Amino acid sequence: GVLSRASADNFAVLARDQAAKRYQLKDLGPSLEYNFLFFNQNDLGGKNLPQVAAKQQWFGDLGFRRAVSRAIDREGIARLVYRGRAVPLWGNVSPGNHLWMNTSIPRSPRSVSEARSILKASGFSWRPDGTLVDRQGRPVAFTIVTSSTSAQRTEMATLIQADLKELGMNVQVVPLEFRALVDRVFQTFDYDASILGLGGGDADPNGEMNVWLSSGSNHLWRLGQKTPATAWEAEVDRLMEKQLITLDYRERKRLFDRVQVIVAEQLPFIFLAAPHVLVGARADLGNFQPAVLDHYTLWNVERLFFAERGLKPARYTERSAVERGLQP
């Protein structure tokens, strides 16, 4: 009788029959999940991947990553992939996480002309046919691997493919079985770029330690670092470790705000969108009060009940989900 998380497409189908089949559907707004594009900047020593290594000169170029970011139509992703039930992202904290989001992060709109200017400043140029080439005259071409079981992330990759074509980049989308994708990203490093999603479990920054620490197991763009590879990663390490032992919320917020600024500037992840939390239940389920933290629908399971036929379901009013601290 409870639907814990629906896709935008399924939610739209259910909404058409909501009255006739007596559902109660709720769009809770942005989730804590963030989807992102990232490039392979791993140390490939001993991996025998010359084709990937040759492209890492681009991937490690901040100008290249900034140009890609400026060329991506995030609003289009939210509208087309999620049927409008998502928000575009420029940082790692979604608007669903009110306590920790740094609202000062710039939300630069898509601009192909700005992206082309950034590429030109980084030494890229264009052939007469519009193909983008680097300083050595090599055409810019790479693949984006996605999970074949995630239609939404594959669709995002296809939209990004079209966006980057306007910059003269030749991008191919390669859907892989999920275990094969994980193996490439975490073990063999045999990939150029990928789209994945993180977040959704905990609103607190401590849940992201394994992402932002340079030694973290989900530090996806450059895994297995014994020491930080860059000065900005070293600064993020220091900030994340300091906020971990800081008790005052305002000071922790200041430290994590700085992390968000660094990440938005350095773009190890190019953030795309945060889908809404879409849930539903039978119309006669009482005390149905879903929240944006997992478990979205069953956090108050001990108070859920089905009303007797002909009676409207009651609503528990002692404390709401927000007052319980379940929705930041």
Protein backbone atom coordinates (compact mmCIF):
# COMPACT_ATOMS: atom_id res chain seq x y z
CA GLY A 1 0.00 0.00 0.00
CA VAL A 2 3.07 2.32 0.08
CA LEU A 3 5.32 3.45 -2.78
CA SER A 4 8.60 4.60 -1.26
CA ARG A 5 10.24 6.21 -4.30
CA ALA A 6 8.76 6.57 -7.78
CA SER A 7 10.39 7.68 -11.00
CA ALA A 8 9.03 10.82 -12.63
CA ASP A 9 7.51 8.77 -15.45
CA ASN A 10 5.77 6.35 -13.08
CA PHE A 11 4.59 9.22 -10.91
CA ALA A 12 2.98 10.86 -13.94
CA VAL A 13 1.18 7.62 -14.86
CA LEU A 14 -0.11 7.16 -11.32
CA ALA A 15 -1.25 10.78 -11.14
CA ARG A 16 -3.59 10.24 -14.08
CA ASP A 17 -5.42 7.52 -12.17
CA GLN A 18 -5.06 9.04 -8.71
CA ALA A 19 -8.72 9.84 -8.12
CA ALA A 20 -10.17 6.72 -9.70
CA LYS A 21 -7.84 4.29 -7.94
CA ARG A 22 -7.67 6.25 -4.68
CA TYR A 23 -3.98 6.98 -4.32
CA GLN A 24 -2.42 9.76 -2.31
CA LEU A 25 0.67 10.97 -4.16
CA LYS A 26 3.21 13.46 -2.83
CA ASP A 27 6.07 15.36 -4.45
CA LEU A 28 8.35 16.25 -1.54
CA GLY A 29 10.67 18.41 -3.61
CA PRO A 30 14.42 17.97 -4.11
CA SER A 31 16.04 14.88 -2.64
CA LEU A 32 19.54 14.82 -1.14
CA GLU A 33 20.79 12.83 -4.13
CA TYR A 34 23.09 14.51 -6.63
CA ASN A 35 23.91 13.24 -10.12
CA PHE A 36 27.17 14.26 -11.70
CA LEU A 37 29.55 13.81 -14.62
CA PHE A 38 33.20 13.17 -13.80
CA PHE A 39 36.39 12.55 -15.73
CA ASN A 40 39.04 9.91 -15.10
CA GLN A 41 41.99 11.66 -13.45
CA ASN A 42 43.38 8.53 -11.77
CA ASP A 43 47.04 7.60 -11.64
CA LEU A 44 47.20 5.06 -14.46
CA GLY A 45 50.71 3.85 -13.69
CA GLY A 46 50.88 0.11 -14.39
CA LYS A 47 47.40 0.04 -15.93
CA ASN A 48 48.47 -0.11 -19.61
CA LEU A 49 45.73 2.26 -20.74
CA PRO A 50 47.50 4.53 -23.24
CA GLN A 51 44.27 5.65 -24.91
CA VAL A 52 42.82 6.88 -21.62
CA ALA A 53 46.13 8.35 -20.45
CA ALA A 54 46.40 10.42 -23.64
CA LYS A 55 43.09 12.13 -22.82
CA GLN A 56 43.95 12.92 -19.21
CA GLN A 57 45.71 16.08 -20.34
CA TRP A 58 42.23 17.38 -21.18
CA PHE A 59 40.51 15.92 -18.13
CA GLY A 60 43.06 17.45 -15.74
CA ASP A 61 42.67 20.88 -17.34
CA LEU A 62 40.36 23.01 -15.20
CA GLY A 63 39.51 25.13 -18.24
CA PHE A 64 38.33 22.02 -20.07
CA ARG A 65 36.10 20.97 -17.18
CA ARG A 66 34.72 24.49 -16.79
CA ALA A 67 33.90 24.65 -20.49
CA VAL A 68 32.07 21.33 -20.32
CA SER A 69 30.14 22.57 -17.29
CA ARG A 70 29.12 25.82 -19.01
CA ALA A 71 27.94 23.93 -22.10
CA ILE A 72 25.63 21.53 -20.22
CA ASP A 73 21.94 22.42 -20.17
CA ARG A 74 21.03 21.51 -16.59
CA GLU A 75 17.54 22.97 -16.89
CA GLY A 76 17.02 20.76 -19.93
CA ILE A 77 18.08 17.71 -17.93
CA ALA A 78 15.61 18.53 -15.15
CA ARG A 79 12.85 19.13 -17.66
CA LEU A 80 13.44 16.24 -20.06
CA VAL A 81 14.93 13.47 -17.92
CA TYR A 82 12.81 14.09 -14.83
CA ARG A 83 9.73 15.67 -16.49
CA GLY A 84 10.34 18.79 -14.41
CA ARG A 85 10.45 16.93 -11.10
CA ALA A 86 14.11 17.74 -10.37
CA VAL A 87 16.29 20.77 -9.76
CA PRO A 88 19.47 21.71 -11.64
CA LEU A 89 22.64 21.55 -9.54
CA TRP A 90 25.89 23.50 -9.50
CA GLY A 91 27.15 22.06 -6.20
CA ASN A 92 27.16 18.88 -4.16
CA VAL A 93 24.38 19.91 -1.75
CA SER A 94 20.85 20.02 -3.11
CA PRO A 95 18.16 22.56 -2.10
CA GLY A 96 16.52 19.68 -0.22
CA ASN A 97 19.27 20.00 2.40
CA HIS A 98 18.38 23.41 3.82
CA LEU A 99 20.75 23.20 6.79
CA TRP A 100 23.93 22.65 4.79
CA MET A 101 23.48 24.06 1.28
CA ASN A 102 25.74 26.99 0.42
CA THR A 103 23.32 29.29 -1.39
CA SER A 104 26.14 31.56 -2.61
CA ILE A 105 27.39 28.99 -5.15
CA PRO A 106 27.06 30.62 -8.61
CA ARG A 107 24.36 29.13 -10.80
CA SER A 108 25.83 29.98 -14.20
CA PRO A 109 23.35 29.43 -17.04
CA ARG A 110 24.31 27.44 -20.10
CA SER A 111 26.46 29.45 -22.49
CA VAL A 112 28.10 27.82 -25.50
CA SER A 113 29.87 31.07 -26.35
CA GLU A 114 31.38 31.29 -22.85
CA ALA A 115 32.40 27.63 -23.05
CA ARG A 116 34.14 28.25 -26.38
CA SER A 117 35.98 31.25 -24.93
CA ILE A 118 37.20 29.15 -21.99
CA LEU A 119 38.43 26.43 -24.35
CA LYS A 120 40.24 28.96 -26.53
CA ALA A 121 41.98 30.38 -23.44
CA SER A 122 43.09 26.83 -22.56
CA GLY A 123 44.77 26.37 -25.94
CA PHE A 124 42.03 24.52 -27.80
CA SER A 125 41.03 25.49 -31.33
CA TRP A 126 38.68 24.39 -34.09
CA ARG A 127 39.19 22.89 -37.51
CA PRO A 128 37.24 24.37 -40.44
CA ASP A 129 34.68 21.56 -40.07
CA GLY A 130 34.03 22.58 -36.43
CA THR A 131 36.00 19.75 -34.77
CA LEU A 132 37.61 20.80 -31.49
CA VAL A 133 41.34 20.03 -31.28
CA ASP A 134 43.94 20.46 -28.54
CA ARG A 135 47.35 22.15 -28.74
CA GLN A 136 48.78 19.06 -30.45
CA GLY A 137 46.01 19.07 -33.05
CA ARG A 138 44.32 15.97 -31.62
CA PRO A 139 40.51 15.88 -31.99
CA VAL A 140 38.69 15.95 -28.65
CA ALA A 141 36.76 12.69 -28.45
CA PHE A 142 35.83 10.61 -25.41
CA THR A 143 33.21 8.21 -24.08
CA ILE A 144 30.79 8.52 -21.17
CA VAL A 145 30.03 5.19 -19.48
CA THR A 146 26.71 4.82 -17.69
CA SER A 147 24.71 2.04 -16.08
CA SER A 148 22.44 0.28 -18.56
CA THR A 149 19.93 -0.21 -15.74
CA SER A 150 19.62 3.55 -15.16
CA ALA A 151 17.57 4.94 -18.01
CA GLN A 152 17.72 8.40 -16.47
CA ARG A 153 21.52 8.62 -16.27
CA THR A 154 21.85 7.21 -19.77
CA GLU A 155 19.40 9.85 -20.97
CA MET A 156 21.46 12.52 -19.19
CA ALA A 157 24.57 11.29 -21.00
CA THR A 158 22.76 11.48 -24.34
CA LEU A 159 21.70 15.07 -23.69
CA ILE A 160 25.25 15.98 -22.66
CA GLN A 161 26.52 14.32 -25.84
CA ALA A 162 24.35 16.70 -27.85
CA ASP A 163 25.37 19.72 -25.75
CA LEU A 164 29.09 19.05 -26.20
CA LYS A 165 28.71 18.43 -29.91
CA GLU A 166 28.07 22.18 -30.14
CA LEU A 167 31.64 22.66 -28.85
CA GLY A 168 33.02 20.33 -31.50
CA MET A 169 33.54 17.43 -29.10
CA ASN A 170 32.85 13.89 -30.29
CA VAL A 171 31.24 12.15 -27.32
CA GLN A 172 30.01 8.57 -27.33
CA VAL A 173 27.65 7.12 -24.71
CA VAL A 174 28.42 3.56 -23.59
CA PRO A 175 25.83 1.89 -21.31
CA LEU A 176 27.36 -0.94 -19.27
CA GLU A 177 25.97 -3.57 -16.95
CA PHE A 178 26.23 -2.05 -13.47
CA ARG A 179 28.87 -4.43 -12.12
CA ALA A 180 31.02 -3.83 -15.20
CA LEU A 181 30.64 -0.07 -14.70
CA VAL A 182 31.66 -0.32 -11.05
CA ASP A 183 34.67 -2.45 -12.00
CA ARG A 184 35.88 0.13 -14.51
CA VAL A 185 35.40 3.10 -12.19
CA PHE A 186 36.80 1.54 -9.01
CA GLN A 187 39.25 -1.11 -10.19
CA THR A 188 40.59 -1.05 -13.73
CA PHE A 189 40.17 2.72 -14.44
CA ASP A 190 39.37 1.78 -18.04
CA TYR A 191 37.02 4.66 -18.82
CA ASP A 192 37.11 8.31 -19.93
CA ALA A 193 34.11 9.80 -18.13
CA SER A 194 31.05 8.55 -16.31
CA ILE A 195 27.76 9.69 -14.79
CA LEU A 196 26.85 8.46 -11.32
CA GLY A 197 24.81 9.61 -8.34
CA LEU A 198 25.59 9.95 -4.64
CA GLY A 199 23.82 11.21 -1.54
CA GLY A 200 20.33 10.60 -0.30
CA GLY A 201 21.18 8.90 2.98
CA ASP A 202 22.31 11.52 5.48
CA ALA A 203 21.99 15.29 5.43
CA ASP A 204 25.10 15.78 7.61
CA PRO A 205 28.47 16.44 5.89
CA ASN A 206 30.04 13.54 7.80
CA GLY A 207 28.18 11.20 5.48
CA GLU A 208 30.33 12.59 2.66
CA MET A 209 33.74 12.03 4.27
CA ASN A 210 34.53 9.14 1.93
CA VAL A 211 33.80 11.36 -1.09
CA TRP A 212 35.74 14.51 -0.28
CA LEU A 213 38.75 13.19 1.64
CA SER A 214 41.54 12.55 -0.88
CA SER A 215 41.94 9.07 0.60
CA GLY A 216 38.19 8.36 0.48
CA SER A 217 36.73 5.25 -1.08
CA ASN A 218 34.30 7.39 -3.17
CA HIS A 219 36.84 10.06 -4.18
CA LEU A 220 35.88 8.93 -7.64
CA TRP A 221 37.85 11.14 -9.99
CA ARG A 222 41.20 10.17 -8.42
CA LEU A 223 41.01 7.09 -6.22
CA GLY A 224 43.62 5.57 -3.93
CA GLN A 225 45.61 8.69 -3.01
CA LYS A 226 48.13 8.28 -0.22
CA THR A 227 48.63 12.06 -0.16
CA PRO A 228 46.52 14.77 -1.81
CA ALA A 229 47.45 15.21 -5.48
CA THR A 230 46.56 18.92 -5.52
CA ALA A 231 46.63 21.86 -3.13
CA TRP A 232 42.86 22.26 -3.27
CA GLU A 233 42.31 18.59 -2.36
CA ALA A 234 44.64 19.10 0.61
CA GLU A 235 42.55 22.10 1.69
CA VAL A 236 39.34 20.08 1.40
CA ASP A 237 40.95 17.33 3.53
CA ARG A 238 41.78 19.88 6.22
CA LEU A 239 38.30 21.44 6.16
CA MET A 240 36.44 18.12 6.25
CA GLU A 241 38.59 16.79 9.09
CA LYS A 242 38.12 20.01 11.06
CA GLN A 243 34.34 20.06 10.67
CA LEU A 244 34.28 16.43 11.80
CA ILE A 245 35.53 17.39 15.28
CA THR A 246 33.75 20.76 15.53
CA LEU A 247 30.66 20.89 17.74
CA ASP A 248 29.27 24.32 16.88
CA TYR A 249 26.86 24.15 13.92
CA ARG A 250 27.66 27.65 12.67
CA GLU A 251 31.39 26.92 12.54
CA ARG A 252 30.80 23.57 10.86
CA LYS A 253 28.56 25.29 8.33
CA ARG A 254 31.30 27.84 7.61
CA LEU A 255 33.83 25.08 7.04
CA PHE A 256 31.53 23.01 4.83
CA ASP A 257 30.45 26.11 2.90
CA ARG A 258 34.11 26.57 1.98
CA VAL A 259 34.30 22.93 0.84
CA GLN A 260 31.31 23.51 -1.42
CA VAL A 261 32.94 26.62 -2.92
CA ILE A 262 36.18 24.76 -3.67
CA VAL A 263 34.35 21.83 -5.23
CA ALA A 264 32.21 24.15 -7.37
CA GLU A 265 35.32 26.00 -8.54
CA GLN A 266 37.54 22.98 -9.20
CA LEU A 267 34.80 20.76 -10.69
CA PRO A 268 36.05 17.26 -9.91
CA PHE A 269 32.35 16.50 -10.35
CA ILE A 270 30.20 18.44 -12.80
CA PHE A 271 26.90 18.45 -10.96
CA LEU A 272 23.76 17.94 -13.01
CA ALA A 273 20.47 17.52 -11.13
CA ALA A 274 18.78 16.37 -7.94
CA PRO A 275 15.54 14.44 -8.52
CA HIS A 276 12.50 15.08 -6.37
CA VAL A 277 11.36 12.53 -3.79
CA LEU A 278 8.13 11.16 -5.24
CA VAL A 279 6.08 8.87 -3.02
CA GLY A 280 2.59 7.48 -2.76
CA ALA A 281 0.23 5.35 -0.73
CA ARG A 282 -3.32 4.10 -0.65
CA ALA A 283 -5.77 6.90 0.06
CA ASP A 284 -6.96 5.20 3.25
CA LEU A 285 -3.50 5.06 4.85
CA GLY A 286 -3.58 7.23 7.96
CA ASN A 287 -0.68 9.32 9.32
CA PHE A 288 1.12 9.19 5.97
CA GLN A 289 3.75 11.91 6.48
CA PRO A 290 6.71 11.21 4.16
CA ALA A 291 10.03 13.06 4.52
CA VAL A 292 13.07 13.66 2.29
CA LEU A 293 15.36 11.48 4.42
CA ASP A 294 15.44 7.74 3.99
CA HIS A 295 13.20 5.90 4.83
CA TYR A 296 10.98 8.39 3.05
CA THR A 297 7.62 6.82 3.85
CA LEU A 298 8.09 4.48 6.79
CA TRP A 299 9.94 6.62 9.33
CA ASN A 300 6.75 6.68 11.42
CA VAL A 301 5.69 3.14 10.59
CA GLU A 302 4.48 2.49 14.14
CA ARG A 303 1.78 5.15 13.60
CA LEU A 304 0.60 4.16 10.12
CA PHE A 305 -2.79 2.47 9.84
CA PHE A 306 -5.49 1.79 7.30
CA ALA A 307 -8.80 3.52 7.98
CA GLU A 308 -12.02 1.55 8.03
CA ARG A 309 -13.99 1.65 4.81
CA GLY A 310 -15.95 4.88 4.48
CA LEU A 311 -13.85 6.78 7.01
CA LYS A 312 -11.25 9.39 6.18
CA PRO A 313 -7.76 8.54 7.43
CA ALA A 314 -6.74 10.40 10.55
CA ARG A 315 -3.58 12.44 10.75
CA TYR A 316 -1.19 12.25 13.68
CA THR A 317 -0.51 15.83 14.76
CA GLU A 318 1.61 15.50 17.89
CA ARG A 319 4.83 16.26 15.99
CA SER A 320 5.41 16.63 12.28
CA ALA A 321 8.27 15.11 10.34
CA VAL A 322 10.01 18.48 10.24
CA GLU A 323 9.70 18.95 14.00
CA ARG A 324 11.21 15.51 14.52
CA GLY A 325 14.28 16.69 12.61
CA LEU A 326 13.74 14.24 9.79
CA GLN A 327 13.57 16.93 7.13
CA PRO A 328 16.43 19.45 7.29
